[in-house]
C-alpha atoms as a PDB file:
ATOM      1  CA  MET A   1      28.196 -34.188  -4.307  1.00  0.00           C
ATOM      2  CA  ARG A   2      24.746 -35.738  -4.037  1.00  0.00           C
ATOM      3  CA  ASP A   3      21.570 -33.616  -4.055  1.00  0.00           C
ATOM      4  CA  ILE A   4      21.007 -33.944  -0.302  1.00  0.00           C
ATOM      5  CA  GLU A   5      24.614 -32.919   0.387  1.00  0.00           C
ATOM      6  CA  ILE A   6      24.234 -29.894  -1.888  1.00  0.00           C
ATOM      7  CA  LEU A   7      20.952 -28.960  -0.160  1.00  0.00           C
ATOM      8  CA  ASN A   8      22.541 -29.266   3.287  1.00  0.00           C
ATOM      9  CA  SER A   9      25.501 -27.130   2.186  1.00  0.00           C
ATOM     10  CA  ILE A  10      23.110 -24.534   0.747  1.00  0.00           C
ATOM     11  CA  LYS A  11      21.144 -24.446   4.009  1.00  0.00           C
ATOM     12  CA  ARG A  12      24.382 -24.025   5.999  1.00  0.00           C
ATOM     13  CA  GLY A  13      25.320 -21.147   3.685  1.00  0.00           C
ATOM     14  CA  PHE A  14      22.054 -19.393   4.470  1.00  0.00           C
ATOM     15  CA  LEU A  15      22.507 -19.938   8.209  1.00  0.00           C
ATOM     16  CA  ALA A  16      26.047 -18.523   8.034  1.00  0.00           C
ATOM     17  CA  ASN A  17      24.905 -15.602   5.836  1.00  0.00           C
ATOM     18  CA  ARG A  18      27.231 -16.774   3.049  1.00  0.00           C
ATOM     19  CA  VAL A  19      24.813 -16.241   0.164  1.00  0.00           C
ATOM     20  CA  PHE A  20      25.325 -14.584  -3.198  1.00  0.00           C
ATOM     21  CA  TYR A  21      22.280 -13.591  -5.289  1.00  0.00           C
ATOM     22  CA  SER A  22      22.918 -13.480  -9.039  1.00  0.00           C
ATOM     23  CA  GLU A  23      21.720 -10.411 -10.923  1.00  0.00           C
ATOM     24  CA  HIS A  24      19.154 -12.660 -12.605  1.00  0.00           C
ATOM     25  CA  ALA A  25      17.809 -13.789  -9.220  1.00  0.00           C
ATOM     26  CA  LYS A  26      17.602 -10.190  -7.971  1.00  0.00           C
ATOM     27  CA  ASP A  27      15.737  -9.124 -11.113  1.00  0.00           C
ATOM     28  CA  GLU A  28      13.297 -12.037 -10.949  1.00  0.00           C
ATOM     29  CA  MET A  29      12.581 -11.386  -7.272  1.00  0.00           C
ATOM     30  CA  VAL A  30      11.456  -7.838  -8.095  1.00  0.00           C
ATOM     31  CA  ILE A  31       9.298  -8.666 -11.120  1.00  0.00           C
ATOM     32  CA  ASP A  32       7.720 -11.967 -10.019  1.00  0.00           C
ATOM     33  CA  LYS A  33       4.169 -12.059 -11.378  1.00  0.00           C
ATOM     34  CA  PHE A  34       2.780 -13.082  -7.980  1.00  0.00           C
ATOM     35  CA  GLY A  35       4.516 -10.229  -6.153  1.00  0.00           C
ATOM     36  CA  LYS A  36       7.964  -9.213  -5.013  1.00  0.00           C
ATOM     37  CA  ILE A  37      10.021 -11.931  -3.337  1.00  0.00           C
ATOM     38  CA  TYR A  38      12.110 -10.894  -0.354  1.00  0.00           C
ATOM     39  CA  GLU A  39      15.426 -12.412   0.737  1.00  0.00           C
ATOM     40  CA  SER A  40      13.824 -13.363   4.048  1.00  0.00           C
ATOM     41  CA  GLU A  41      11.228 -15.400   2.110  1.00  0.00           C
ATOM     42  CA  VAL A  42      13.969 -17.162   0.151  1.00  0.00           C
ATOM     43  CA  PHE A  43      15.679 -18.029   3.456  1.00  0.00           C
ATOM     44  CA  GLU A  44      12.420 -19.415   4.888  1.00  0.00           C
ATOM     45  CA  ALA A  45      11.677 -21.453   1.763  1.00  0.00           C
ATOM     46  CA  VAL A  46      15.180 -22.934   1.626  1.00  0.00           C
ATOM     47  CA  ALA A  47      15.024 -23.799   5.335  1.00  0.00           C
ATOM     48  CA  SER A  48      11.844 -25.832   4.731  1.00  0.00           C
ATOM     49  CA  GLY A  49      12.867 -26.915   1.259  1.00  0.00           C
ATOM     50  CA  LYS A  50      13.393 -30.129  -0.580  1.00  0.00           C
ATOM     51  CA  VAL A  51      15.087 -30.927  -3.873  1.00  0.00           C
ATOM     52  CA  ILE A  52      12.624 -31.439  -6.716  1.00  0.00           C
ATOM     53  CA  GLU A  53      15.038 -31.320  -9.671  1.00  0.00           C
ATOM     54  CA  SER A  54      18.767 -31.691 -10.084  1.00  0.00           C
ATOM     55  CA  TYR A  55      21.067 -30.165 -12.684  1.00  0.00           C
ATOM     56  CA  PRO A  56      24.399 -31.980 -12.172  1.00  0.00           C
ATOM     57  CA  ASP A  57      25.882 -30.715 -15.448  1.00  0.00           C
ATOM     58  CA  ASP A  58      25.379 -27.003 -14.705  1.00  0.00           C
ATOM     59  CA  LYS A  59      28.579 -24.965 -14.816  1.00  0.00           C
ATOM     60  CA  PRO A  60      30.506 -23.766 -12.955  1.00  0.00           C
ATOM     61  CA  TYR A  61      28.666 -25.656 -10.176  1.00  0.00           C
ATOM     62  CA  PRO A  62      25.975 -28.339 -10.164  1.00  0.00           C
ATOM     63  CA  SER A  63      22.661 -26.828  -9.105  1.00  0.00           C
ATOM     64  CA  ILE A  64      19.338 -27.958  -7.688  1.00  0.00           C
ATOM     65  CA  LEU A  65      15.760 -26.733  -7.794  1.00  0.00           C
ATOM     66  CA  ILE A  66      14.402 -26.393  -4.275  1.00  0.00           C
ATOM     67  CA  TYR A  67      10.710 -26.220  -3.421  1.00  0.00           C
ATOM     68  CA  GLY A  68       9.860 -24.690  -0.081  1.00  0.00           C
ATOM     69  CA  THR A  69       7.315 -22.479   1.586  1.00  0.00           C
ATOM     70  CA  THR A  70       7.601 -19.310   3.603  1.00  0.00           C
ATOM     71  CA  LYS A  71       6.217 -18.921   7.103  1.00  0.00           C
ATOM     72  CA  LYS A  72       3.120 -17.440   5.455  1.00  0.00           C
ATOM     73  CA  LYS A  73       2.845 -20.576   3.257  1.00  0.00           C
ATOM     74  CA  ARG A  74       3.959 -18.857   0.049  1.00  0.00           C
ATOM     75  CA  PRO A  75       5.360 -21.528  -2.293  1.00  0.00           C
ATOM     76  CA  LEU A  76       8.732 -20.709  -3.836  1.00  0.00           C
ATOM     77  CA  HIS A  77      11.165 -22.368  -6.183  1.00  0.00           C
ATOM     78  CA  ILE A  78      14.828 -21.527  -5.755  1.00  0.00           C
ATOM     79  CA  VAL A  79      17.582 -22.679  -8.080  1.00  0.00           C
ATOM     80  CA  CYS A  80      20.785 -22.776  -6.051  1.00  0.00           C
ATOM     81  CA  ALA A  81      24.346 -23.968  -6.328  1.00  0.00           C
ATOM     82  CA  TYR A  82      27.070 -24.328  -3.755  1.00  0.00           C
ATOM     83  CA  SER A  83      30.741 -23.459  -4.197  1.00  0.00           C
ATOM     84  CA  GLU A  84      32.913 -25.657  -1.999  1.00  0.00           C
ATOM     85  CA  GLU A  85      35.988 -23.561  -2.852  1.00  0.00           C
ATOM     86  CA  GLU A  86      34.375 -20.357  -1.602  1.00  0.00           C
ATOM     87  CA  ASP A  87      32.024 -21.954   0.949  1.00  0.00           C
ATOM     88  CA  LEU A  88      29.259 -19.925  -0.668  1.00  0.00           C
ATOM     89  CA  THR A  89      25.612 -20.527  -1.531  1.00  0.00           C
ATOM     90  CA  ILE A  90      24.675 -19.079  -4.918  1.00  0.00           C
ATOM     91  CA  VAL A  91      21.053 -18.210  -5.677  1.00  0.00           C
ATOM     92  CA  ILE A  92      20.698 -18.462  -9.438  1.00  0.00           C
ATOM     93  CA  THR A  93      16.987 -17.640  -9.632  1.00  0.00           C
ATOM     94  CA  THR A  94      13.853 -17.763  -7.552  1.00  0.00           C
ATOM     95  CA  TYR A  95      10.189 -17.486  -8.397  1.00  0.00           C
ATOM     96  CA  GLN A  96       6.738 -18.373  -7.166  1.00  0.00           C
ATOM     97  CA  PRO A  97       5.654 -21.379  -9.242  1.00  0.00           C
ATOM     98  CA  ASP A  98       2.522 -20.972 -11.330  1.00  0.00           C
ATOM     99  CA  PRO A  99      -0.075 -23.596 -10.304  1.00  0.00           C
ATOM    100  CA  GLU A 100      -1.112 -23.778 -13.964  1.00  0.00           C
ATOM    101  CA  LEU A 101       2.352 -25.182 -14.775  1.00  0.00           C
ATOM    102  CA  TRP A 102       3.061 -27.338 -11.708  1.00  0.00           C
ATOM    103  CA  VAL A 103       1.307 -30.220  -9.971  1.00  0.00           C
ATOM    104  CA  GLY A 104       1.465 -29.522  -6.254  1.00  0.00           C
ATOM    105  CA  TYR A 105       4.392 -27.189  -7.022  1.00  0.00           C
ATOM    106  CA  ILE A 106       6.726 -30.181  -7.262  1.00  0.00           C
ATOM    107  CA  ARG A 107       6.120 -31.753 -10.672  1.00  0.00           C
ATOM    108  CA  ARG A 108       5.872 -30.024 -14.030  1.00  0.00           C
ATOM    109  CA  LYS A 109       2.549 -30.452 -15.823  1.00  0.00           C
ATOM    110  CA  GLY A 110       2.473 -31.974 -19.263  1.00  0.00           C
END
């Protein structure tokens, strides 16, 4: 599956409420250094999101790094995968990118 196909499948998963948050994602959402991240914010960011990195060799599913913003313009990064077998979006982690580490939130510095 190409990145855009994965992103579209992930977005469909959110719209159909077929989303699984890993324990890691749940933990990171609570302790994010810029403030707690809510599932509704993840949904908003994915809806407006675009693929900025691709991890085709991730197991058990290829994953992508999505950059999107919430309705309140909060920038978020979400690493997601999609399981075709289960028709399920999997949120691996999510965080608010640190502007000290990212150029325009879409390219790593350095």
